[in-house]
Amino acid sequence: MSEFKAKCLGLIEQVHKTRQPLRITRHGRPVAEVIPAGPDRKRKFLGDMIGTAEIVGDIVSPIIDLEDIEAYRD
């Protein structure tokens, strides 16, 4: 198993250095691909989710009418 691990780690290092993907095949057919990792992106706490959500409808008005709230209290 250590020979397998050494070869795999060597191939992963090659992908890292060359930035070229490595295609893994079984019986001549591609089954997986090892690709270089993208650049690390520094995450911001505030504003990191900008552009990932959409407001649909009225978010200010109450969900139900005030009269209905009074009816539930009785």
N, C-alpha and C. Protein backbone atom coordinates (compact mmCIF):
# COMPACT_ATOMS: atom_id res chain seq x y z
N MET A 1 0.82 -1.20 0.00
CA MET A 1 0.00 0.00 0.00
C MET A 1 0.86 1.26 0.00
N SER A 2 2.02 1.21 0.61
CA SER A 2 2.86 2.40 0.66
C SER A 2 3.36 2.80 -0.73
N GLU A 3 3.57 1.81 -1.62
CA GLU A 3 3.99 2.13 -2.99
C GLU A 3 2.87 2.87 -3.71
N PHE A 4 1.63 2.40 -3.53
CA PHE A 4 0.47 3.06 -4.14
C PHE A 4 0.35 4.49 -3.62
N LYS A 5 0.47 4.66 -2.31
CA LYS A 5 0.36 5.99 -1.70
C LYS A 5 1.45 6.92 -2.22
N ALA A 6 2.66 6.43 -2.32
CA ALA A 6 3.77 7.24 -2.81
C ALA A 6 3.53 7.69 -4.25
N LYS A 7 3.04 6.78 -5.09
CA LYS A 7 2.76 7.14 -6.48
C LYS A 7 1.64 8.17 -6.57
N CYS A 8 0.59 7.97 -5.77
CA CYS A 8 -0.53 8.92 -5.79
C CYS A 8 -0.08 10.30 -5.34
N LEU A 9 0.68 10.35 -4.26
CA LEU A 9 1.16 11.64 -3.77
C LEU A 9 2.06 12.32 -4.80
N GLY A 10 2.86 11.53 -5.50
CA GLY A 10 3.70 12.08 -6.56
C GLY A 10 2.88 12.67 -7.69
N LEU A 11 1.81 11.97 -8.08
CA LEU A 11 0.94 12.47 -9.14
C LEU A 11 0.19 13.73 -8.71
N ILE A 12 -0.24 13.75 -7.45
CA ILE A 12 -0.93 14.94 -6.94
C ILE A 12 0.03 16.13 -6.93
N GLU A 13 1.26 15.90 -6.55
CA GLU A 13 2.27 16.97 -6.56
C GLU A 13 2.51 17.47 -7.98
N GLN A 14 2.50 16.56 -8.95
CA GLN A 14 2.66 16.93 -10.36
C GLN A 14 1.52 17.83 -10.81
N VAL A 15 0.29 17.48 -10.44
CA VAL A 15 -0.87 18.31 -10.79
C VAL A 15 -0.72 19.69 -10.16
N HIS A 16 -0.27 19.72 -8.93
CA HIS A 16 -0.10 21.00 -8.23
C HIS A 16 0.95 21.87 -8.92
N LYS A 17 2.08 21.28 -9.29
CA LYS A 17 3.17 22.05 -9.89
C LYS A 17 2.87 22.49 -11.32
N THR A 18 2.30 21.59 -12.12
CA THR A 18 2.08 21.89 -13.54
C THR A 18 0.75 22.60 -13.80
N ARG A 19 -0.16 22.54 -12.81
CA ARG A 19 -1.51 23.12 -12.95
C ARG A 19 -2.28 22.45 -14.08
N GLN A 20 -1.88 21.23 -14.46
CA GLN A 20 -2.55 20.47 -15.51
C GLN A 20 -3.37 19.35 -14.86
N PRO A 21 -4.63 19.15 -15.30
CA PRO A 21 -5.44 18.08 -14.72
C PRO A 21 -4.88 16.70 -15.07
N LEU A 22 -5.22 15.74 -14.25
CA LEU A 22 -4.81 14.35 -14.45
C LEU A 22 -6.08 13.51 -14.60
N ARG A 23 -6.24 12.85 -15.74
CA ARG A 23 -7.41 12.01 -15.97
C ARG A 23 -7.09 10.57 -15.58
N ILE A 24 -7.97 9.98 -14.80
CA ILE A 24 -7.81 8.60 -14.35
C ILE A 24 -8.76 7.74 -15.18
N THR A 25 -8.23 6.67 -15.74
CA THR A 25 -9.04 5.80 -16.60
C THR A 25 -9.10 4.38 -16.04
N ARG A 26 -10.14 3.69 -16.42
CA ARG A 26 -10.29 2.26 -16.12
C ARG A 26 -10.68 1.59 -17.42
N HIS A 27 -9.86 0.66 -17.85
CA HIS A 27 -10.08 -0.04 -19.12
C HIS A 27 -10.19 0.95 -20.28
N GLY A 28 -9.39 2.01 -20.22
CA GLY A 28 -9.36 2.99 -21.31
C GLY A 28 -10.45 4.04 -21.27
N ARG A 29 -11.34 3.96 -20.29
CA ARG A 29 -12.44 4.93 -20.19
C ARG A 29 -12.21 5.85 -18.99
N PRO A 30 -12.40 7.16 -19.16
CA PRO A 30 -12.19 8.08 -18.04
C PRO A 30 -13.20 7.82 -16.92
N VAL A 31 -12.71 7.77 -15.68
CA VAL A 31 -13.59 7.56 -14.53
C VAL A 31 -13.47 8.69 -13.51
N ALA A 32 -12.38 9.44 -13.55
CA ALA A 32 -12.20 10.54 -12.60
C ALA A 32 -11.15 11.49 -13.14
N GLU A 33 -11.11 12.67 -12.53
CA GLU A 33 -10.12 13.65 -12.93
C GLU A 33 -9.64 14.39 -11.69
N VAL A 34 -8.33 14.54 -11.57
CA VAL A 34 -7.74 15.32 -10.48
C VAL A 34 -7.37 16.66 -11.09
N ILE A 35 -7.92 17.73 -10.53
CA ILE A 35 -7.66 19.07 -11.06
C ILE A 35 -6.95 19.90 -10.00
N PRO A 36 -6.16 20.88 -10.43
CA PRO A 36 -5.49 21.73 -9.44
C PRO A 36 -6.51 22.56 -8.68
N ALA A 37 -6.22 22.79 -7.42
CA ALA A 37 -7.10 23.60 -6.59
C ALA A 37 -7.07 25.04 -7.08
N GLY A 38 -8.21 25.72 -6.94
CA GLY A 38 -8.28 27.12 -7.29
C GLY A 38 -7.59 27.97 -6.24
N PRO A 39 -7.42 29.25 -6.53
CA PRO A 39 -6.75 30.12 -5.56
C PRO A 39 -7.59 30.26 -4.30
N ASP A 40 -6.91 30.37 -3.17
CA ASP A 40 -7.62 30.61 -1.91
C ASP A 40 -8.29 31.97 -1.98
N ARG A 41 -9.52 32.01 -1.55
CA ARG A 41 -10.28 33.26 -1.57
C ARG A 41 -10.52 33.67 -0.14
N LYS A 42 -10.05 34.86 0.20
CA LYS A 42 -10.26 35.36 1.55
C LYS A 42 -11.74 35.70 1.71
N ARG A 43 -12.34 35.13 2.73
CA ARG A 43 -13.76 35.35 2.97
C ARG A 43 -13.96 36.57 3.83
N LYS A 44 -14.97 37.36 3.48
CA LYS A 44 -15.36 38.51 4.28
C LYS A 44 -16.56 38.10 5.11
N PHE A 45 -16.65 38.63 6.29
CA PHE A 45 -17.82 38.32 7.11
C PHE A 45 -19.04 39.06 6.58
N LEU A 46 -18.93 40.36 6.43
CA LEU A 46 -20.06 41.15 5.93
C LEU A 46 -19.95 41.27 4.41
N GLY A 47 -21.01 40.99 3.74
CA GLY A 47 -21.05 41.15 2.29
C GLY A 47 -20.60 39.93 1.51
N ASP A 48 -20.27 38.84 2.18
CA ASP A 48 -19.79 37.66 1.47
C ASP A 48 -20.89 36.99 0.67
N MET A 49 -22.14 37.17 1.07
CA MET A 49 -23.25 36.51 0.39
C MET A 49 -23.96 37.44 -0.61
N ILE A 50 -23.39 38.61 -0.89
CA ILE A 50 -24.01 39.55 -1.82
C ILE A 50 -24.24 38.87 -3.17
N GLY A 51 -25.46 39.02 -3.68
CA GLY A 51 -25.79 38.47 -4.98
C GLY A 51 -26.21 37.01 -4.97
N THR A 52 -26.36 36.41 -3.79
CA THR A 52 -26.72 35.00 -3.75
C THR A 52 -28.18 34.77 -3.39
N ALA A 53 -28.92 35.82 -3.09
CA ALA A 53 -30.33 35.67 -2.72
C ALA A 53 -31.17 36.67 -3.50
N GLU A 54 -32.45 36.40 -3.54
CA GLU A 54 -33.37 37.28 -4.25
C GLU A 54 -34.59 37.51 -3.37
N ILE A 55 -34.98 38.78 -3.20
CA ILE A 55 -36.17 39.11 -2.43
C ILE A 55 -37.37 39.02 -3.36
N VAL A 56 -38.34 38.22 -2.96
CA VAL A 56 -39.54 38.04 -3.77
C VAL A 56 -40.74 38.46 -2.94
N GLY A 57 -41.50 39.41 -3.42
CA GLY A 57 -42.70 39.84 -2.71
C GLY A 57 -42.41 40.92 -1.68
N ASP A 58 -43.41 41.18 -0.87
CA ASP A 58 -43.36 42.24 0.15
C ASP A 58 -42.74 41.67 1.42
N ILE A 59 -41.63 42.26 1.85
CA ILE A 59 -40.98 41.78 3.07
C ILE A 59 -41.20 42.73 4.24
N VAL A 60 -42.02 43.77 4.04
CA VAL A 60 -42.23 44.76 5.09
C VAL A 60 -43.59 44.59 5.76
N SER A 61 -44.61 44.32 4.98
CA SER A 61 -45.97 44.20 5.52
C SER A 61 -46.12 42.93 6.34
N PRO A 62 -47.06 42.94 7.30
CA PRO A 62 -47.32 41.73 8.09
C PRO A 62 -47.78 40.58 7.19
N ILE A 63 -47.51 39.37 7.62
CA ILE A 63 -47.90 38.20 6.85
C ILE A 63 -49.42 38.03 6.86
N ILE A 64 -50.04 38.29 8.01
CA ILE A 64 -51.50 38.18 8.10
C ILE A 64 -52.07 39.52 8.55
N ASP A 65 -53.36 39.73 8.30
CA ASP A 65 -54.02 40.98 8.68
C ASP A 65 -54.14 41.09 10.19
N LEU A 66 -54.14 42.32 10.68
CA LEU A 66 -54.27 42.55 12.12
C LEU A 66 -55.60 42.03 12.65
N GLU A 67 -56.66 42.08 11.82
CA GLU A 67 -57.96 41.56 12.24
C GLU A 67 -57.87 40.05 12.51
N ASP A 68 -57.11 39.35 11.71
CA ASP A 68 -56.95 37.91 11.91
C ASP A 68 -56.20 37.62 13.20
N ILE A 69 -55.25 38.47 13.54
CA ILE A 69 -54.51 38.30 14.80
C ILE A 69 -55.47 38.43 15.98
N GLU A 70 -56.36 39.43 15.91
CA GLU A 70 -57.34 39.63 16.98
C GLU A 70 -58.27 38.42 17.09
N ALA A 71 -58.65 37.83 15.97
CA ALA A 71 -59.54 36.67 15.99
C ALA A 71 -58.86 35.48 16.66
N TYR A 72 -57.58 35.31 16.48
CA TYR A 72 -56.85 34.19 17.10
C TYR A 72 -56.70 34.37 18.61
N ARG A 73 -56.75 35.60 19.09
CA ARG A 73 -56.59 35.85 20.52
C ARG A 73 -57.82 35.41 21.31
N ASP A 74 -58.96 35.37 20.69
CA ASP A 74 -60.20 35.01 21.41
C ASP A 74 -60.33 33.55 21.68
